[in-house]
Structure formats: structure tokens, C-alpha cells
Amino acid sequence: MIRLAGVRAHGHHGVFEHERRDGQEFVVDLVAHLPVGAGGGDEISATLHYGEAAEALVEVLAGEPVDLLETLVERLLDAVEQLPGGRACPRLEVTVHKPQAPITVPFADVSVTGVRDQRVPAVVALGANLGDATGTLASAVGELAELPGVELVGLSPLVESDPVGGVEQPVYLNAVARVETTLAAADLLAALHRIEARHGRTREVRWGARTLDLDLIQHGDPRAGTEVRCVPEGVGLHLPHPRASERAFVLGPWLAVDPVAELDGRPVSQWLAELDQDGVRSGPPWPALTRGGRA
């Protein structure tokens, strides 16, 4: 995270006439939580430019007066969010200090803090081919929808797909869920792994059969400049998913919930058109889902 402390400017905010007339000094602290991979390419465009952030804060402090510190905090958050890199930050925190506030007793400081969690879209691919695959997937959708900081905004129809990788096993059921989330990519992936574990997912055999598979395909929106892109050293978070463009059982359902989706700089529809889709078929209907997504 980036911490920018003690940004100062003379402003005319307050409810009293003398505050509007004479003004006083205001001090701002900013904490910007950075997305995974920010600055990984050593490019300033991949992160929040704290010099520009400081200038934006001063412009608001010295600008149009408001009565309340709470209103001032919201304007400061707006100003940082609108900067290149600002909207991509999962969380922004702004604290405004008013050390010369008209208080009639001795005091050291008065401040108001505002926190803004950014909601970004994310794409989750679901698959299962052991046991009651339909019921397992429906239960997983429900658990996904109930995660704190996650809202389910789209769910594709189920498709049936032939297994890949050469391991003999039953056919799969697959789907794609679109969510909006305030969780960082790594935190969302960890939550997906916990859902898998609750359904008995193991990883002894690569490409092997599984009770439940939840893959984080994309976090953020490449069209809005909020997409997280990272390549791990060894085992870790890799976004966008490195094999998504090769999987018709992911791309087809993804298009069903987002017809203008993009992956690696190309429309998902173009990736899908280049793949053999013979191994993907319509699946069974979803069981009745409650508001939370559960069967």
C-alpha cells in the first residue's frame, strides 16, 4: 500500500462565518491499497502516482468550501479515485485533520476518516465430475454468493465437457459465474480454495477427476483499466488464467454471461471461434436456486 501523510493546504471549510472568511490549515493522510502486481513491470502507469495524488488532494482542500469534514472526505476520495491507477486500488482511505477547529476546550486534533472499497468484476469458472456434480456446483454457487465482499451478478447455463489431459474419468459439468467484489484477487482465490476444500477437493493427480474446481479467470475489467495481471514465480496467483483461452468449456459459458468480455487484449468471442468446440455440449438445467444462489 502507498501511505501519503501530512499533505497540507489552506482551505475555507466549516460552518462558521469566520471559517469561510479567514480559512485555516487542513491536513490529509492517504492510504491507497494496491492491486496484486502493481509496479511489477516497473512502470508508473501500473500503480498510483503519489505525486499526482498529493496535487489532487491539495486542489480539493483549497477548492470550493463545504460545511462538513465528511463531505470533504468524500470529495477527496473522488479526486484520488479519478486518477490513473486510482480506480484500480482495491481500497482507498482518506483522513482529514482540522487542527485549528473552533472547539472551546483544549484538544490536539480532530479528524474524519473515510474508507472506500472498490468493487471490481471478477470471473470464476466452475467444474465438477464426481458425485452429484450438479448439486455440488449449485452449492458452490451459493457459497460464492454469500462470501463477504462478493455479489453474484451473472451465472451461465451448465455445459457438459469431455475431460482433457489424458486421464480417464467421467465427463464434466462446467459453468461460469460473474461477480463484483471488494476482495483483492489473492483473497478471492483463497476463498475459492476454501469452498473447494469443503467439498472434498484434492490435488493428487494433475488433470484428474475432482469433486469441485473453482478457477479465478479474471479479476478486474481490462476495458476499464482495473484488471489485475500477474505472473507468479513458482506456484502462486497467475492472472488472467493462463489456460482460459484454450478452454471452450470456459469461454462459451463466459460469453453467455458477458457477450463483450475480453481476454488478453482480444474479445473472448474471437478466442472461442478458434477452438474445437465438439467436446462441449449443453448440460442439465440448474436446480432451483435461492436468492443467495443455493439449490
Protein backbone atom coordinates (compact mmCIF):
# COMPACT_ATOMS: atom_id res chain seq x y z
CA MET A 1 0.00 0.00 0.00
CA ILE A 2 1.01 3.60 -0.52
CA ARG A 3 0.92 5.91 2.51
CA LEU A 4 0.95 9.65 1.89
CA ALA A 5 0.87 11.59 5.17
CA GLY A 6 0.66 15.24 6.15
CA VAL A 7 -0.46 16.84 2.89
CA ARG A 8 -1.28 20.43 3.88
CA ALA A 9 -3.30 23.24 2.32
CA HIS A 10 -5.22 26.36 3.37
CA GLY A 11 -8.95 25.90 2.96
CA HIS A 12 -12.21 27.62 3.86
CA HIS A 13 -14.31 24.67 5.00
CA GLY A 14 -16.59 24.89 8.02
CA VAL A 15 -19.99 26.02 9.22
CA PHE A 16 -18.93 29.30 10.83
CA GLU A 17 -18.67 32.63 9.01
CA HIS A 18 -15.09 33.27 10.17
CA GLU A 19 -14.03 29.84 8.87
CA ARG A 20 -15.39 30.65 5.44
CA ARG A 21 -13.86 34.16 5.53
CA ASP A 22 -10.41 33.55 7.00
CA GLY A 23 -9.85 29.87 6.33
CA GLN A 24 -7.43 27.60 8.18
CA GLU A 25 -4.95 24.80 7.58
CA PHE A 26 -6.18 21.31 6.77
CA VAL A 27 -4.03 18.17 6.74
CA VAL A 28 -4.76 15.00 4.79
CA ASP A 29 -3.41 11.45 5.04
CA LEU A 30 -3.97 8.96 2.21
CA VAL A 31 -3.60 5.19 2.25
CA ALA A 32 -4.01 3.50 -1.16
CA HIS A 33 -4.12 -0.29 -1.18
CA LEU A 34 -2.53 -1.53 -4.39
CA PRO A 35 -3.71 -4.38 -6.62
CA VAL A 36 -1.64 -7.53 -6.92
CA GLY A 37 1.14 -6.99 -9.46
CA ALA A 38 1.15 -3.18 -9.26
CA GLY A 39 4.56 -1.92 -10.35
CA GLY A 40 5.60 -5.43 -11.38
CA GLY A 41 6.80 -4.12 -14.73
CA ASP A 42 8.46 -1.12 -13.07
CA GLU A 43 6.06 1.23 -14.88
CA ILE A 44 4.45 4.17 -13.10
CA SER A 45 1.30 3.58 -15.15
CA ALA A 46 0.80 0.28 -13.29
CA THR A 47 0.40 1.94 -9.91
CA LEU A 48 -0.89 5.11 -8.26
CA HIS A 49 1.31 8.18 -8.85
CA TYR A 50 1.57 9.59 -5.33
CA GLY A 51 2.81 12.95 -6.59
CA GLU A 52 -0.32 13.39 -8.66
CA ALA A 53 -2.39 12.15 -5.71
CA ALA A 54 -0.89 14.84 -3.48
CA GLU A 55 -1.69 17.55 -6.02
CA ALA A 56 -5.27 16.29 -6.35
CA LEU A 57 -5.73 16.37 -2.57
CA VAL A 58 -4.43 19.96 -2.32
CA GLU A 59 -6.71 21.08 -5.15
CA VAL A 60 -9.75 19.82 -3.24
CA LEU A 61 -8.58 21.25 0.10
CA ALA A 62 -8.02 24.68 -1.42
CA GLY A 63 -11.10 24.50 -3.60
CA GLU A 64 -14.84 25.00 -3.17
CA PRO A 65 -15.73 25.25 0.55
CA VAL A 66 -18.04 22.73 2.23
CA ASP A 67 -19.59 22.71 5.68
CA LEU A 68 -18.67 19.21 6.84
CA LEU A 69 -15.42 17.27 7.03
CA GLU A 70 -17.43 14.23 5.99
CA THR A 71 -18.32 15.94 2.70
CA LEU A 72 -14.69 16.98 2.24
CA VAL A 73 -13.54 13.38 2.74
CA GLU A 74 -15.91 12.16 0.03
CA ARG A 75 -14.59 14.77 -2.41
CA LEU A 76 -11.02 13.79 -1.64
CA LEU A 77 -11.81 10.12 -2.24
CA ASP A 78 -13.48 11.05 -5.54
CA ALA A 79 -10.41 13.01 -6.62
CA VAL A 80 -7.99 10.15 -5.94
CA GLU A 81 -10.30 7.55 -7.47
CA GLN A 82 -10.40 9.51 -10.74
CA LEU A 83 -6.61 9.48 -11.14
CA PRO A 84 -4.94 6.95 -13.44
CA GLY A 85 -4.41 3.98 -11.16
CA GLY A 86 -6.82 5.25 -8.53
CA ARG A 87 -9.82 3.21 -9.61
CA ALA A 88 -7.67 0.06 -9.71
CA CYS A 89 -6.84 0.34 -5.99
CA PRO A 90 -8.97 -2.18 -4.05
CA ARG A 91 -9.27 0.24 -1.12
CA LEU A 92 -8.70 3.95 -0.55
CA GLU A 93 -8.55 5.56 2.90
CA VAL A 94 -8.51 9.32 3.45
CA THR A 95 -8.23 11.11 6.81
CA VAL A 96 -8.77 14.88 7.08
CA HIS A 97 -7.31 16.65 10.12
CA LYS A 98 -8.61 20.02 11.28
CA PRO A 99 -6.11 21.04 13.99
CA GLN A 100 -7.48 24.61 14.25
CA ALA A 101 -11.13 23.63 14.56
CA PRO A 102 -13.26 26.06 16.61
CA ILE A 103 -13.54 23.87 19.73
CA THR A 104 -13.92 25.58 23.11
CA VAL A 105 -11.77 23.15 25.14
CA PRO A 106 -8.09 22.18 24.77
CA PHE A 107 -7.56 19.48 22.13
CA ALA A 108 -4.76 18.07 19.99
CA ASP A 109 -6.60 17.29 16.77
CA VAL A 110 -9.94 16.45 15.22
CA SER A 111 -10.20 14.26 12.16
CA VAL A 112 -12.61 12.34 9.97
CA THR A 113 -11.64 9.18 8.08
CA GLY A 114 -13.38 7.74 5.05
CA VAL A 115 -12.78 4.29 3.55
CA ARG A 116 -13.90 3.34 0.06
CA ASP A 117 -13.72 -0.27 -1.11
CA GLN A 118 -13.66 -0.55 -4.87
CA ARG A 119 -16.00 -3.11 -6.41
CA VAL A 120 -14.49 -4.74 -9.45
CA PRO A 121 -15.79 -7.54 -11.67
CA ALA A 122 -14.28 -10.99 -11.49
CA VAL A 123 -14.85 -14.19 -13.46
CA VAL A 124 -14.94 -17.60 -11.77
CA ALA A 125 -15.05 -20.89 -13.70
CA LEU A 126 -16.70 -23.85 -12.01
CA GLY A 127 -16.34 -27.55 -12.82
CA ALA A 128 -17.09 -30.95 -11.29
CA ASN A 129 -17.25 -34.57 -12.46
CA LEU A 130 -17.52 -36.71 -9.31
CA GLY A 131 -20.58 -37.49 -7.24
CA ASP A 132 -23.61 -35.23 -7.56
CA ALA A 133 -21.88 -32.71 -9.81
CA THR A 134 -25.00 -30.61 -10.38
CA GLY A 135 -25.75 -30.35 -6.68
CA THR A 136 -22.14 -29.62 -5.82
CA LEU A 137 -21.92 -26.81 -8.35
CA ALA A 138 -25.21 -25.32 -7.14
CA SER A 139 -23.97 -25.43 -3.56
CA ALA A 140 -20.68 -23.81 -4.58
CA VAL A 141 -22.54 -21.00 -6.34
CA GLY A 142 -24.47 -20.39 -3.15
CA GLU A 143 -21.32 -20.26 -1.07
CA LEU A 144 -19.68 -17.94 -3.60
CA ALA A 145 -22.66 -15.58 -3.49
CA GLU A 146 -22.55 -15.48 0.32
CA LEU A 147 -18.87 -14.56 0.62
CA PRO A 148 -18.39 -11.19 2.36
CA GLY A 149 -17.46 -8.60 -0.23
CA VAL A 150 -18.81 -10.64 -3.13
CA GLU A 151 -22.01 -10.16 -5.14
CA LEU A 152 -23.11 -12.68 -7.75
CA VAL A 153 -24.17 -10.74 -10.86
CA GLY A 154 -24.30 -13.45 -13.54
CA LEU A 155 -24.39 -17.23 -13.86
CA SER A 156 -24.10 -19.15 -17.14
CA PRO A 157 -26.07 -22.26 -18.05
CA LEU A 158 -24.39 -25.58 -17.27
CA VAL A 159 -22.44 -27.23 -20.06
CA GLU A 160 -21.10 -30.75 -20.32
CA SER A 161 -17.49 -31.18 -21.48
CA ASP A 162 -15.19 -34.07 -22.28
CA PRO A 163 -12.19 -34.35 -19.92
CA VAL A 164 -8.80 -33.13 -21.13
CA GLY A 165 -5.29 -34.13 -20.15
CA GLY A 166 -5.38 -37.84 -20.96
CA VAL A 167 -6.61 -39.11 -17.58
CA GLU A 168 -9.60 -41.46 -17.94
CA GLN A 169 -12.52 -40.02 -15.98
CA PRO A 170 -16.20 -39.04 -16.24
CA VAL A 171 -17.42 -36.06 -18.27
CA TYR A 172 -17.51 -32.68 -16.56
CA LEU A 173 -20.19 -30.18 -15.82
CA ASN A 174 -18.96 -26.60 -16.17
CA ALA A 175 -20.26 -23.07 -15.73
CA VAL A 176 -19.00 -19.53 -15.29
CA ALA A 177 -20.06 -17.03 -12.62
CA ARG A 178 -19.55 -13.28 -12.84
CA VAL A 179 -19.21 -11.45 -9.54
CA GLU A 180 -18.47 -7.98 -8.32
CA THR A 181 -16.14 -7.92 -5.36
CA THR A 182 -14.25 -5.71 -2.97
CA LEU A 183 -11.83 -8.57 -2.24
CA ALA A 184 -8.31 -8.41 -3.59
CA ALA A 185 -7.53 -11.11 -6.16
CA ALA A 186 -5.40 -13.17 -3.76
CA ASP A 187 -8.12 -13.04 -1.08
CA LEU A 188 -10.82 -14.09 -3.53
CA LEU A 189 -8.69 -17.00 -4.75
CA ALA A 190 -8.09 -18.11 -1.17
CA ALA A 191 -11.84 -18.03 -0.53
CA LEU A 192 -12.43 -20.17 -3.63
CA HIS A 193 -9.90 -22.72 -2.37
CA ARG A 194 -11.73 -22.90 0.96
CA ILE A 195 -15.01 -23.64 -0.84
CA GLU A 196 -13.25 -26.38 -2.83
CA ALA A 197 -11.83 -27.89 0.37
CA ARG A 198 -15.26 -28.01 1.99
CA HIS A 199 -16.41 -30.12 -0.94
CA GLY A 200 -13.53 -32.58 -0.66
CA ARG A 201 -11.32 -31.23 -3.45
CA THR A 202 -7.88 -32.86 -3.57
CA ARG A 203 -4.97 -32.32 -5.97
CA GLU A 204 -3.06 -35.62 -6.08
CA VAL A 205 -3.37 -36.08 -9.87
CA ARG A 206 -2.97 -33.21 -12.32
CA TRP A 207 -5.92 -33.07 -14.75
CA GLY A 208 -7.57 -35.72 -12.59
CA ALA A 209 -11.21 -36.09 -11.62
CA ARG A 210 -12.47 -33.74 -8.95
CA THR A 211 -15.48 -33.09 -6.78
CA LEU A 212 -15.18 -29.34 -7.40
CA ASP A 213 -12.90 -27.00 -9.31
CA LEU A 214 -13.11 -23.23 -8.89
CA ASP A 215 -10.72 -21.19 -11.05
CA LEU A 216 -10.27 -17.44 -10.85
CA ILE A 217 -10.12 -16.49 -14.54
CA GLN A 218 -10.03 -12.70 -14.40
CA HIS A 219 -10.04 -10.05 -11.67
CA GLY A 220 -10.93 -6.53 -12.73
CA ASP A 221 -12.03 -5.20 -16.11
CA PRO A 222 -9.46 -4.79 -18.91
CA ARG A 223 -11.81 -2.34 -20.61
CA ALA A 224 -11.75 -0.06 -17.56
CA GLY A 225 -8.07 -0.47 -16.75
CA THR A 226 -8.74 -2.31 -13.48
CA GLU A 227 -7.60 -5.79 -14.50
CA VAL A 228 -5.02 -7.49 -12.29
CA ARG A 229 -2.21 -9.01 -14.33
CA CYS A 230 0.47 -11.03 -12.59
CA VAL A 231 2.72 -13.98 -13.35
CA PRO A 232 3.98 -15.82 -10.26
CA GLU A 233 7.44 -17.08 -9.60
CA GLY A 234 6.84 -20.75 -8.87
CA VAL A 235 3.37 -21.58 -7.54
CA GLY A 236 1.00 -18.69 -6.88
CA LEU A 237 -1.56 -16.33 -8.33
CA HIS A 238 -1.49 -16.11 -12.13
CA LEU A 239 -3.91 -13.70 -13.79
CA PRO A 240 -5.57 -13.75 -16.17
CA HIS A 241 -5.79 -17.55 -16.01
CA PRO A 242 -3.03 -18.81 -18.32
CA ARG A 243 -5.12 -21.56 -19.97
CA ALA A 244 -8.51 -19.86 -20.20
CA SER A 245 -8.03 -19.01 -23.89
CA GLU A 246 -7.61 -22.73 -24.66
CA ARG A 247 -10.78 -23.93 -22.95
CA ALA A 248 -14.05 -23.82 -24.84
CA PHE A 249 -15.85 -25.03 -21.69
CA VAL A 250 -14.78 -21.76 -20.04
CA LEU A 251 -15.07 -19.33 -22.95
CA GLY A 252 -18.54 -20.45 -24.07
CA PRO A 253 -20.20 -20.03 -20.65
CA TRP A 254 -18.25 -16.80 -20.12
CA LEU A 255 -19.73 -15.31 -23.29
CA ALA A 256 -23.18 -16.36 -22.09
CA VAL A 257 -22.87 -14.03 -19.08
CA ASP A 258 -20.73 -11.30 -20.73
CA PRO A 259 -21.05 -11.11 -24.54
CA VAL A 260 -18.41 -8.33 -24.77
CA ALA A 261 -15.84 -9.97 -22.50
CA GLU A 262 -12.16 -9.52 -23.32
CA LEU A 263 -9.17 -11.71 -22.52
CA ASP A 264 -5.54 -10.81 -23.18
CA GLY A 265 -6.47 -7.90 -25.42
CA ARG A 266 -8.94 -9.80 -27.61
CA PRO A 267 -12.69 -10.42 -27.44
CA VAL A 268 -13.47 -13.77 -25.86
CA SER A 269 -15.64 -14.49 -28.91
CA GLN A 270 -12.52 -14.46 -31.10
CA TRP A 271 -10.67 -16.87 -28.85
CA LEU A 272 -13.66 -19.20 -28.84
CA ALA A 273 -14.04 -19.12 -32.63
CA GLU A 274 -10.52 -20.55 -32.97
CA LEU A 275 -11.19 -23.58 -30.75
CA ASP A 276 -12.65 -27.01 -31.45
CA GLN A 277 -15.98 -26.97 -29.61
CA ASP A 278 -17.06 -30.54 -30.38
CA GLY A 279 -16.27 -31.64 -26.83
CA VAL A 280 -18.65 -29.13 -25.23
CA ARG A 281 -22.41 -29.70 -25.11
CA SER A 282 -25.43 -28.26 -23.37
CA GLY A 283 -25.74 -29.52 -19.82
CA PRO A 284 -28.66 -30.14 -17.49
CA PRO A 285 -30.69 -27.25 -16.10
CA TRP A 286 -29.64 -25.69 -12.83
CA PRO A 287 -31.71 -26.81 -9.87
CA ALA A 288 -33.89 -24.10 -8.41
CA LEU A 289 -31.60 -21.52 -6.81
CA THR A 290 -32.49 -19.30 -3.89
CA ARG A 291 -31.60 -15.63 -3.79
CA GLY A 292 -28.18 -16.48 -2.36
CA GLY A 293 -27.57 -18.94 -5.17
CA ARG A 294 -28.10 -22.21 -3.26
CA ALA A 295 -30.15 -25.10 -4.54
